[in-house]
Amino acid sequence: MKKIVKQVYIGAFALLTLTTFSGCEKFLDLKPTNALLADNAVYDAKTSRALVNAGYSNLKSYSIGSALTLAVLPGDNVFFAGSQSQNIELDNHAFTVTNSAIVGAYASSYALINVVNWAISEIPKVEDATFAEGEQNKLIGEAYFIRAFAYFNLVRSWGGVQLQLNPTTDLTSLGAISRSTEEQTYAQILSDLKSSEDLLPADDGQTRNKLQKAIVRAFRAKVLLYAKRFEEAETEATAVIQNPKYALLKPYNKFFVAPFLTSESVFELSATATNAGTSGSAWFPASGTPRGSYEFRPSNEIINLLNDPAKGGNRKSLIATRGTDVFVNLYHTVSPNINPAYVIRIADLHLIRAEARARKANPDYAGAIADLNLIKDRAEATLYPVGNTDKDAIVQSIWDERRLEFAFEADRWYDLVRTEQAEEVLGVSKNFWIFPIPQSDVLSDPDLNGTNNPGY
């Protein structure tokens, strides 16, 4: 991690904060050697807000960039038709220790963690009467959530990782951080989510792009599903589903039509004409309007599934045709690029609860089928037969539904790995279900003991 820290914390964090805090001269006071941030960086309400805003900005950048690339290209819904070697490797499951997409995602995750580590450490010390009531706690709670989000992406991509929980002022403070197990990493994520929930404000009836308590519970449900703690995942998902703020929309495509921020979205990172979102340019054909590079293309299999009325139903709106080209229509704006990042939708909570109900120690098959059929009904697809209570059939139907419901969101590869289907579906052996740690880190960080993930 030291190599990543030196190159990225100074680069991504310092440049971001210099931009974000323009006019706040005291915020950054980098020493000329290995220092990364001055001890007096956060000293009032204004710099506290700016630091958390920097965390949101990095969170959005990851969600519209690395999160999508790592989730869709190794999966079976999208293939890469461009020339960049890093994406060709991902598409072909030829993951290497120097792949720039993998290295960049790893680096940006730790850069984000360092930003919010500063917020968690320093904002509680600030004394400033200009904080609104509860604002200081809210900012700290947001930082805890963002750190949990970053570690979740690290653990599902690289397995157990080094848990850096303190802000970095100098590279010498990074010593003696051994790699944690997956179980320990999930424990830290859940601890951060508990701290976040305790500090964040209660939910209002409309906010979907700023963190509140229900978003924490929704994200916790997803984390618990990955950790195979099904009873708890069901409880958390139920709490969110029962919140009247959220509802499935009909038809399916209503959630990705401007002005966005619909009742479907639990957490959505907004974009504007001056603050770009998920780019549609990689998905659109090179001819026609809007024009794109057409490098990310839907596979023939997913095209057939989405066009099958019994399976895809009205989710065929996720794809469109221009001439002979079939393309993804989810991210359908280019200039201005105002596609948001759909971090978690209420549909996800229903399918999380369905899977948890079917896989828990004392299964609730009727409840699982009810949740599954809510999603199928919204899509106008053929319902799962209520009388078929075969566990394997129910679980597989839920997994198949996830493939269609979140076809081009940041889930498919990770779903195949966590459900242990990656070898059967993609032919990828278990040694390559997680990505390699960047070689530069393995070589330069003595705490990694020169060891990478198995297979690399």
Protein backbone atom coordinates (compact mmCIF):
# COMPACT_ATOMS: atom_id res chain seq x y z
CA MET A 1 0.00 0.00 0.00
CA LYS A 2 2.93 2.39 0.50
CA LYS A 3 3.56 2.75 -3.23
CA ILE A 4 -0.12 3.47 -3.84
CA VAL A 5 -0.20 5.96 -0.99
CA LYS A 6 2.80 7.92 -2.18
CA GLN A 7 1.61 8.27 -5.75
CA VAL A 8 -2.13 8.59 -5.27
CA TYR A 9 -2.72 10.28 -1.93
CA ILE A 10 -0.54 13.16 -2.95
CA GLY A 11 -1.87 13.21 -6.50
CA ALA A 12 -5.60 12.46 -6.33
CA PHE A 13 -6.19 13.80 -2.85
CA ALA A 14 -4.01 16.87 -2.97
CA LEU A 15 -5.23 17.94 -6.41
CA LEU A 16 -8.84 17.34 -5.43
CA THR A 17 -8.57 19.22 -2.19
CA LEU A 18 -6.66 22.08 -3.74
CA THR A 19 -9.51 22.43 -6.22
CA THR A 20 -12.25 21.90 -3.68
CA PHE A 21 -10.78 24.24 -1.12
CA SER A 22 -9.72 27.04 -3.42
CA GLY A 23 -9.25 30.07 -1.21
CA CYS A 24 -8.65 28.06 1.98
CA GLU A 25 -4.92 28.67 2.13
CA LYS A 26 -4.35 26.93 5.42
CA PHE A 27 -5.94 23.65 4.33
CA LEU A 28 -2.92 22.07 2.69
CA ASP A 29 0.58 22.59 3.98
CA LEU A 30 2.49 19.78 2.35
CA LYS A 31 6.04 19.35 3.56
CA PRO A 32 8.65 19.00 0.82
CA THR A 33 9.47 15.37 1.67
CA ASN A 34 6.98 12.52 2.17
CA ALA A 35 4.26 14.41 4.03
CA LEU A 36 0.76 14.16 2.64
CA LEU A 37 -1.40 16.56 4.59
CA ALA A 38 -0.80 19.12 7.31
CA ASP A 39 -1.96 18.42 10.84
CA ASN A 40 -4.01 21.67 10.84
CA ALA A 41 -5.89 20.77 7.68
CA VAL A 42 -9.41 20.72 9.18
CA TYR A 43 -10.01 23.66 11.47
CA ASP A 44 -13.58 24.95 10.99
CA ALA A 45 -17.02 24.07 9.62
CA LYS A 46 -16.11 25.17 6.12
CA THR A 47 -13.07 22.92 5.77
CA SER A 48 -15.00 20.07 7.44
CA ARG A 49 -17.75 20.31 4.84
CA ALA A 50 -15.23 20.59 2.01
CA LEU A 51 -13.37 17.49 3.16
CA VAL A 52 -16.52 15.35 3.22
CA ASN A 53 -17.54 16.80 -0.15
CA ALA A 54 -14.17 15.61 -1.44
CA GLY A 55 -15.10 12.15 -0.16
CA TYR A 56 -18.41 12.28 -2.05
CA SER A 57 -16.58 13.40 -5.19
CA ASN A 58 -14.15 10.48 -5.00
CA LEU A 59 -17.05 8.12 -4.23
CA LYS A 60 -18.85 9.27 -7.36
CA SER A 61 -15.70 9.03 -9.49
CA TYR A 62 -15.22 5.42 -8.42
CA SER A 63 -18.89 4.57 -8.96
CA ILE A 64 -19.03 5.90 -12.52
CA GLY A 65 -15.60 4.55 -13.45
CA SER A 66 -13.78 1.65 -11.80
CA ALA A 67 -16.90 0.12 -10.23
CA LEU A 68 -18.55 -0.31 -13.62
CA THR A 69 -15.42 -1.42 -15.47
CA LEU A 70 -14.53 -4.14 -12.96
CA ALA A 71 -18.13 -5.35 -12.67
CA VAL A 72 -19.25 -5.51 -16.29
CA LEU A 73 -16.21 -6.37 -18.41
CA PRO A 74 -15.29 -9.68 -16.71
CA GLY A 75 -18.96 -10.70 -16.71
CA ASP A 76 -21.07 -12.21 -19.50
CA ASN A 77 -23.44 -9.33 -20.28
CA VAL A 78 -20.90 -7.02 -21.92
CA PHE A 79 -17.91 -7.53 -24.17
CA PHE A 80 -15.16 -5.06 -24.98
CA ALA A 81 -14.72 -4.00 -28.60
CA GLY A 82 -11.99 -1.41 -28.14
CA SER A 83 -8.21 -1.50 -28.24
CA GLN A 84 -7.13 -0.69 -24.65
CA SER A 85 -5.10 -3.62 -23.37
CA GLN A 86 -6.27 -3.29 -19.77
CA ASN A 87 -9.91 -3.73 -20.80
CA ILE A 88 -9.12 -6.55 -23.21
CA GLU A 89 -7.45 -8.36 -20.30
CA LEU A 90 -10.50 -7.85 -18.09
CA ASP A 91 -12.83 -9.07 -20.82
CA ASN A 92 -10.71 -12.20 -21.33
CA HIS A 93 -10.15 -12.82 -17.59
CA ALA A 94 -6.41 -12.45 -18.13
CA PHE A 95 -5.92 -10.37 -14.99
CA THR A 96 -2.34 -9.18 -14.54
CA VAL A 97 -0.49 -7.55 -11.66
CA THR A 98 0.19 -4.45 -13.76
CA ASN A 99 -3.25 -4.03 -15.36
CA SER A 100 -3.88 -0.28 -15.19
CA ALA A 101 -7.63 -0.63 -14.59
CA ILE A 102 -7.05 -2.94 -11.63
CA VAL A 103 -4.16 -0.85 -10.29
CA GLY A 104 -6.21 2.33 -10.66
CA ALA A 105 -9.23 0.90 -8.84
CA TYR A 106 -7.06 -0.33 -5.96
CA ALA A 107 -5.24 2.98 -5.72
CA SER A 108 -8.36 5.14 -5.88
CA SER A 109 -10.02 3.08 -3.15
CA TYR A 110 -7.18 3.77 -0.74
CA ALA A 111 -7.05 7.41 -1.79
CA LEU A 112 -10.74 7.68 -0.92
CA ILE A 113 -10.13 5.94 2.40
CA ASN A 114 -7.42 8.43 3.32
CA VAL A 115 -9.73 11.38 2.58
CA VAL A 116 -12.42 10.10 4.91
CA ASN A 117 -9.91 8.92 7.52
CA TRP A 118 -9.00 12.59 7.86
CA ALA A 119 -12.65 13.48 8.28
CA ILE A 120 -13.22 10.78 10.92
CA SER A 121 -10.12 11.84 12.83
CA GLU A 122 -10.29 15.61 12.64
CA ILE A 123 -13.89 16.80 12.33
CA PRO A 124 -14.78 15.71 15.91
CA LYS A 125 -12.07 18.08 17.17
CA VAL A 126 -13.46 21.14 15.38
CA GLU A 127 -15.16 23.80 17.50
CA ASP A 128 -17.21 26.11 15.32
CA ALA A 129 -20.55 27.71 16.18
CA THR A 130 -21.45 27.96 12.49
CA PHE A 131 -22.17 24.22 12.28
CA ALA A 132 -25.91 23.68 11.89
CA GLU A 133 -27.57 21.55 14.55
CA GLY A 134 -26.43 17.95 14.07
CA GLU A 135 -24.26 18.85 11.09
CA GLN A 136 -20.95 17.88 12.66
CA ASN A 137 -22.22 14.39 13.49
CA LYS A 138 -23.74 14.08 10.01
CA LEU A 139 -20.40 14.83 8.35
CA ILE A 140 -18.62 12.22 10.47
CA GLY A 141 -21.38 9.70 9.74
CA GLU A 142 -21.02 10.31 6.01
CA ALA A 143 -17.29 9.71 6.27
CA TYR A 144 -17.81 6.39 8.05
CA PHE A 145 -20.20 5.24 5.32
CA ILE A 146 -17.84 6.23 2.52
CA ARG A 147 -15.02 4.30 4.20
CA ALA A 148 -17.28 1.24 4.48
CA PHE A 149 -18.17 1.59 0.80
CA ALA A 150 -14.49 1.71 -0.17
CA TYR A 151 -13.57 -1.35 1.91
CA PHE A 152 -16.56 -3.27 0.52
CA ASN A 153 -15.30 -2.68 -3.01
CA LEU A 154 -11.82 -3.71 -1.92
CA VAL A 155 -12.90 -6.93 -0.19
CA ARG A 156 -15.13 -8.14 -3.02
CA SER A 157 -12.41 -7.33 -5.56
CA TRP A 158 -9.21 -8.38 -3.74
CA GLY A 159 -10.32 -10.39 -0.71
CA GLY A 160 -9.09 -9.44 2.75
CA VAL A 161 -7.02 -6.25 2.57
CA GLN A 162 -4.88 -3.99 4.72
CA LEU A 163 -7.13 -1.91 6.97
CA GLN A 164 -5.78 1.63 7.07
CA LEU A 165 -7.97 3.34 9.70
CA ASN A 166 -5.93 6.42 10.52
CA PRO A 167 -5.16 9.48 8.41
CA THR A 168 -1.79 9.55 6.78
CA THR A 169 0.44 12.55 7.35
CA ASP A 170 3.70 10.84 6.45
CA LEU A 171 4.68 7.57 4.86
CA THR A 172 6.35 6.47 8.09
CA SER A 173 2.89 6.19 9.68
CA LEU A 174 1.96 3.33 7.36
CA GLY A 175 4.12 0.68 8.99
CA ALA A 176 2.97 -2.62 10.48
CA ILE A 177 -0.39 -2.95 8.75
CA SER A 178 -0.70 -6.61 7.95
CA ARG A 179 -3.31 -7.88 5.56
CA SER A 180 -6.63 -8.72 7.21
CA THR A 181 -8.79 -11.72 6.41
CA GLU A 182 -12.06 -11.37 4.53
CA GLU A 183 -13.93 -11.95 7.79
CA GLN A 184 -11.98 -9.17 9.52
CA THR A 185 -12.56 -6.83 6.58
CA TYR A 186 -16.30 -7.44 6.64
CA ALA A 187 -16.30 -6.88 10.41
CA GLN A 188 -14.67 -3.47 9.88
CA ILE A 189 -17.18 -2.57 7.17
CA LEU A 190 -20.10 -3.44 9.45
CA SER A 191 -18.52 -1.52 12.32
CA ASP A 192 -18.19 1.57 10.13
CA LEU A 193 -21.80 1.23 8.99
CA LYS A 194 -22.96 1.06 12.61
CA SER A 195 -21.02 4.23 13.42
CA SER A 196 -22.46 5.89 10.33
CA GLU A 197 -26.05 4.98 11.18
CA ASP A 198 -25.66 6.28 14.72
CA LEU A 199 -24.47 9.67 13.48
CA LEU A 200 -26.56 10.29 10.36
CA PRO A 201 -29.90 12.11 10.45
CA ALA A 202 -33.25 10.38 10.22
CA ASP A 203 -34.69 9.98 6.74
CA ASP A 204 -36.72 12.68 5.11
CA GLY A 205 -39.17 11.95 2.34
CA GLN A 206 -37.16 12.95 -0.70
CA THR A 207 -33.35 12.91 -0.34
CA ARG A 208 -31.70 10.14 -2.36
CA ASN A 209 -28.29 11.58 -3.23
CA LYS A 210 -27.06 12.36 0.28
CA LEU A 211 -26.53 9.80 3.00
CA GLN A 212 -29.26 9.10 5.55
CA LYS A 213 -30.02 6.18 7.86
CA ALA A 214 -32.06 4.11 5.38
CA ILE A 215 -29.18 4.15 2.86
CA VAL A 216 -26.91 2.69 5.52
CA ARG A 217 -29.38 -0.12 6.22
CA ALA A 218 -29.74 -0.82 2.50
CA PHE A 219 -26.01 -1.04 1.99
CA ARG A 220 -25.65 -3.16 5.14
CA ALA A 221 -28.16 -5.62 3.69
CA LYS A 222 -25.95 -6.02 0.62
CA VAL A 223 -22.79 -6.43 2.70
CA LEU A 224 -24.49 -9.06 4.87
CA LEU A 225 -25.61 -10.96 1.76
CA TYR A 226 -22.01 -11.11 0.55
CA ALA A 227 -20.94 -12.23 4.03
CA LYS A 228 -23.62 -14.99 3.90
CA ARG A 229 -25.34 -13.70 7.04
CA PHE A 230 -28.76 -14.24 5.56
CA GLU A 231 -31.05 -13.72 8.54
CA GLU A 232 -29.50 -10.31 9.20
CA ALA A 233 -29.59 -9.41 5.52
CA GLU A 234 -33.31 -10.15 5.45
CA THR A 235 -33.91 -7.95 8.50
CA GLU A 236 -32.04 -4.99 7.04
CA ALA A 237 -33.65 -5.32 3.62
CA THR A 238 -37.11 -5.50 5.18
CA ALA A 239 -36.53 -2.28 7.11
CA VAL A 240 -35.76 -0.44 3.88
CA ILE A 241 -38.56 -2.04 1.87
CA GLN A 242 -41.07 -0.94 4.51
CA ASN A 243 -39.95 2.67 4.20
CA PRO A 244 -42.70 4.48 2.22
CA LYS A 245 -40.02 6.64 0.61
CA TYR A 246 -39.13 3.81 -1.80
CA ALA A 247 -41.20 2.00 -4.41
CA LEU A 248 -40.75 0.00 -7.61
CA LEU A 249 -41.66 2.00 -10.71
CA LYS A 250 -43.61 0.90 -13.76
CA PRO A 251 -42.55 0.66 -16.49
CA TYR A 252 -39.02 -0.44 -15.76
CA ASN A 253 -37.29 2.38 -17.67
CA LYS A 254 -38.82 5.15 -15.53
CA PHE A 255 -35.93 5.02 -13.06
CA PHE A 256 -33.32 5.94 -15.67
CA VAL A 257 -35.16 8.82 -17.33
CA ALA A 258 -34.39 12.44 -16.46
CA PRO A 259 -34.79 14.11 -14.00
CA PHE A 260 -33.82 10.84 -12.19
CA LEU A 261 -33.87 10.57 -8.35
CA THR A 262 -37.08 8.56 -8.48
CA SER A 263 -38.68 6.51 -5.71
CA GLU A 264 -36.82 3.51 -7.18
CA SER A 265 -33.47 4.91 -6.05
CA VAL A 266 -32.27 4.33 -2.51
CA PHE A 267 -28.86 5.90 -3.16
CA GLU A 268 -28.07 7.66 -6.41
CA LEU A 269 -25.12 9.92 -7.13
CA SER A 270 -26.42 12.78 -9.24
CA ALA A 271 -24.81 14.45 -12.23
CA THR A 272 -25.36 17.81 -13.86
CA ALA A 273 -24.22 19.56 -17.02
CA THR A 274 -21.21 20.89 -15.10
CA ASN A 275 -20.63 17.84 -12.87
CA ALA A 276 -20.57 14.86 -15.22
CA GLY A 277 -21.92 11.43 -14.44
CA THR A 278 -21.70 7.97 -16.00
CA SER A 279 -20.62 8.51 -19.58
CA GLY A 280 -22.74 7.06 -22.36
CA SER A 281 -19.97 7.53 -24.92
CA ALA A 282 -18.47 4.05 -24.49
CA TRP A 283 -21.88 2.44 -25.05
CA PHE A 284 -23.23 4.32 -28.08
CA PRO A 285 -22.49 3.33 -31.72
CA ALA A 286 -20.02 5.42 -33.67
CA SER A 287 -22.66 6.47 -36.21
CA GLY A 288 -25.81 8.44 -35.52
CA THR A 289 -26.70 10.73 -32.65
CA PRO A 290 -25.57 10.71 -29.94
CA ARG A 291 -22.30 9.28 -31.14
CA GLY A 292 -19.96 7.14 -29.09
CA SER A 293 -17.03 4.74 -29.36
CA TYR A 294 -19.22 1.60 -29.02
CA GLU A 295 -16.50 -0.15 -27.02
CA PHE A 296 -18.84 -1.58 -24.36
CA ARG A 297 -21.33 -3.78 -26.22
CA PRO A 298 -24.10 -6.09 -24.96
CA SER A 299 -23.44 -9.78 -25.52
CA ASN A 300 -25.72 -11.75 -27.82
CA GLU A 301 -26.86 -13.80 -24.84
CA ILE A 302 -28.06 -10.82 -22.81
CA ILE A 303 -29.68 -9.30 -25.92
CA ASN A 304 -31.68 -12.49 -26.41
CA LEU A 305 -32.64 -12.67 -22.72
CA LEU A 306 -33.78 -9.05 -22.58
CA ASN A 307 -35.78 -9.45 -25.79
CA ASP A 308 -37.48 -12.59 -24.51
CA PRO A 309 -40.91 -11.44 -23.21
CA ALA A 310 -41.02 -14.24 -20.64
CA LYS A 311 -37.64 -13.36 -19.15
CA GLY A 312 -36.71 -9.79 -19.98
CA GLY A 313 -40.21 -8.37 -20.24
CA ASN A 314 -40.12 -4.59 -20.45
CA ARG A 315 -36.44 -4.57 -19.46
CA LYS A 316 -35.74 -4.74 -23.18
CA SER A 317 -35.69 -0.94 -22.77
CA LEU A 318 -32.13 -1.39 -21.48
CA ILE A 319 -31.04 -1.91 -25.08
CA ALA A 320 -31.80 -0.10 -28.31
CA THR A 321 -31.03 -0.55 -32.00
CA ARG A 322 -29.47 1.82 -34.49
CA GLY A 323 -29.19 0.26 -37.92
CA THR A 324 -27.70 -3.17 -37.27
CA ASP A 325 -26.05 -2.11 -33.99
CA VAL A 326 -27.65 -3.14 -30.70
CA PHE A 327 -26.40 -0.98 -27.85
CA VAL A 328 -26.92 -0.36 -24.13
CA ASN A 329 -29.42 2.42 -23.48
CA LEU A 330 -29.14 2.69 -19.68
CA TYR A 331 -26.56 5.50 -19.82
CA HIS A 332 -28.26 7.45 -22.57
CA THR A 333 -26.86 10.96 -22.29
CA VAL A 334 -23.54 12.16 -23.67
CA SER A 335 -23.50 15.95 -23.94
CA PRO A 336 -24.32 17.06 -21.36
CA ASN A 337 -23.55 13.82 -19.56
CA ILE A 338 -26.11 13.71 -16.74
CA ASN A 339 -26.43 9.96 -16.18
CA PRO A 340 -26.23 9.34 -12.42
CA ALA A 341 -24.56 6.42 -10.68
CA TYR A 342 -27.23 4.01 -9.43
CA VAL A 343 -25.51 2.79 -6.27
CA ILE A 344 -28.46 0.86 -4.88
CA ARG A 345 -32.10 0.57 -5.95
CA ILE A 346 -35.13 -0.76 -4.10
CA ALA A 347 -35.24 -3.64 -6.59
CA ASP A 348 -31.90 -4.76 -5.16
CA LEU A 349 -33.40 -4.87 -1.66
CA HIS A 350 -36.23 -7.11 -2.85
CA LEU A 351 -33.83 -9.53 -4.51
CA ILE A 352 -31.45 -9.42 -1.53
CA ARG A 353 -34.39 -10.33 0.72
CA ALA A 354 -35.58 -13.02 -1.68
CA GLU A 355 -32.15 -14.67 -1.71
CA ALA A 356 -31.70 -14.30 2.04
CA ARG A 357 -35.12 -15.87 2.69
CA ALA A 358 -34.32 -18.82 0.43
CA ARG A 359 -30.80 -19.43 1.77
CA LYS A 360 -31.19 -18.83 5.51
CA ALA A 361 -31.11 -21.72 7.99
CA ASN A 362 -34.92 -21.90 8.17
CA PRO A 363 -35.94 -20.93 4.66
CA ASP A 364 -39.04 -18.91 3.86
CA TYR A 365 -39.67 -20.05 0.31
CA ALA A 366 -43.06 -18.37 0.03
CA GLY A 367 -41.55 -15.05 1.07
CA ALA A 368 -38.63 -15.51 -1.32
CA ILE A 369 -40.97 -16.24 -4.24
CA ALA A 370 -43.15 -13.23 -3.32
CA ASP A 371 -40.16 -10.87 -3.53
CA LEU A 372 -38.92 -12.49 -6.73
CA ASN A 373 -42.32 -12.17 -8.35
CA LEU A 374 -42.61 -8.51 -7.40
CA ILE A 375 -39.56 -7.88 -9.58
CA LYS A 376 -40.83 -10.13 -12.36
CA ASP A 377 -44.26 -8.52 -12.27
CA ARG A 378 -42.79 -5.03 -12.52
CA ALA A 379 -40.83 -6.22 -15.56
CA GLU A 380 -43.97 -7.86 -17.05
CA ALA A 381 -42.06 -11.14 -17.21
CA THR A 382 -43.44 -14.62 -16.50
CA LEU A 383 -43.87 -15.17 -12.77
CA TYR A 384 -42.12 -17.93 -10.87
CA PRO A 385 -44.60 -20.75 -10.06
CA VAL A 386 -45.72 -20.32 -6.46
CA GLY A 387 -46.05 -24.06 -5.90
CA ASN A 388 -42.44 -24.86 -6.85
CA THR A 389 -40.57 -24.75 -3.54
CA ASP A 390 -37.40 -26.49 -4.69
CA LYS A 391 -34.63 -24.52 -2.99
CA ASP A 392 -32.07 -24.81 -5.77
CA ALA A 393 -34.60 -23.77 -8.38
CA ILE A 394 -35.72 -20.74 -6.38
CA VAL A 395 -32.19 -19.56 -5.67
CA GLN A 396 -31.12 -20.00 -9.29
CA SER A 397 -34.17 -18.08 -10.47
CA ILE A 398 -33.25 -15.23 -8.12
CA TRP A 399 -29.69 -15.20 -9.43
CA ASP A 400 -30.95 -15.25 -13.02
CA GLU A 401 -33.27 -12.36 -12.21
CA ARG A 402 -30.38 -10.32 -10.84
CA ARG A 403 -28.56 -10.79 -14.13
CA LEU A 404 -31.45 -9.15 -16.00
CA GLU A 405 -32.50 -6.54 -13.45
CA PHE A 406 -28.97 -5.13 -13.03
CA ALA A 407 -27.64 -6.13 -16.43
CA PHE A 408 -25.39 -3.10 -16.93
CA GLU A 409 -24.92 -1.88 -13.37
CA ALA A 410 -21.95 -2.66 -11.10
CA ASP A 411 -22.93 -6.19 -10.08
CA ARG A 412 -22.66 -9.01 -12.61
CA TRP A 413 -19.04 -10.19 -12.18
CA TYR A 414 -19.30 -9.87 -8.41
CA ASP A 415 -22.58 -11.82 -8.35
CA LEU A 416 -21.01 -14.65 -10.33
CA VAL A 417 -18.07 -14.78 -7.91
CA ARG A 418 -20.02 -14.57 -4.64
CA THR A 419 -22.49 -17.24 -5.83
CA GLU A 420 -19.59 -19.44 -6.97
CA GLN A 421 -20.87 -19.63 -10.55
CA ALA A 422 -17.91 -17.94 -12.23
CA GLU A 423 -16.25 -21.21 -13.25
CA GLU A 424 -19.42 -22.84 -14.56
CA VAL A 425 -20.68 -19.75 -16.41
CA LEU A 426 -17.42 -18.16 -17.55
CA GLY A 427 -14.85 -20.95 -17.27
CA VAL A 428 -12.78 -18.92 -14.78
CA SER A 429 -11.08 -21.09 -12.15
CA LYS A 430 -11.43 -20.14 -8.50
CA ASN A 431 -7.84 -18.86 -8.25
CA PHE A 432 -8.85 -15.96 -10.46
CA TRP A 433 -12.11 -14.93 -8.80
CA ILE A 434 -10.37 -12.02 -7.13
CA PHE A 435 -8.01 -9.56 -8.75
CA PRO A 436 -4.25 -9.37 -8.13
CA ILE A 437 -2.82 -6.80 -5.76
CA PRO A 438 -0.73 -4.35 -7.82
CA GLN A 439 2.78 -5.68 -8.24
CA SER A 440 4.31 -2.36 -7.22
CA ASP A 441 2.69 -2.72 -3.79
CA VAL A 442 3.72 -6.34 -3.36
CA LEU A 443 7.34 -5.43 -4.11
CA SER A 444 7.54 -2.22 -2.09
CA ASP A 445 5.41 -2.92 0.98
CA PRO A 446 7.12 -5.23 3.50
CA ASP A 447 3.79 -5.75 5.30
CA LEU A 448 2.59 -7.80 2.30
CA ASN A 449 5.58 -10.15 2.68
CA GLY A 450 6.03 -10.33 -1.08
CA THR A 451 2.78 -12.31 -1.38
CA ASN A 452 -0.01 -11.71 -3.86
CA ASN A 453 -3.39 -13.39 -4.18
CA PRO A 454 -3.33 -17.07 -5.21
CA GLY A 455 -2.64 -17.55 -8.90
CA TYR A 456 -0.64 -14.34 -9.37
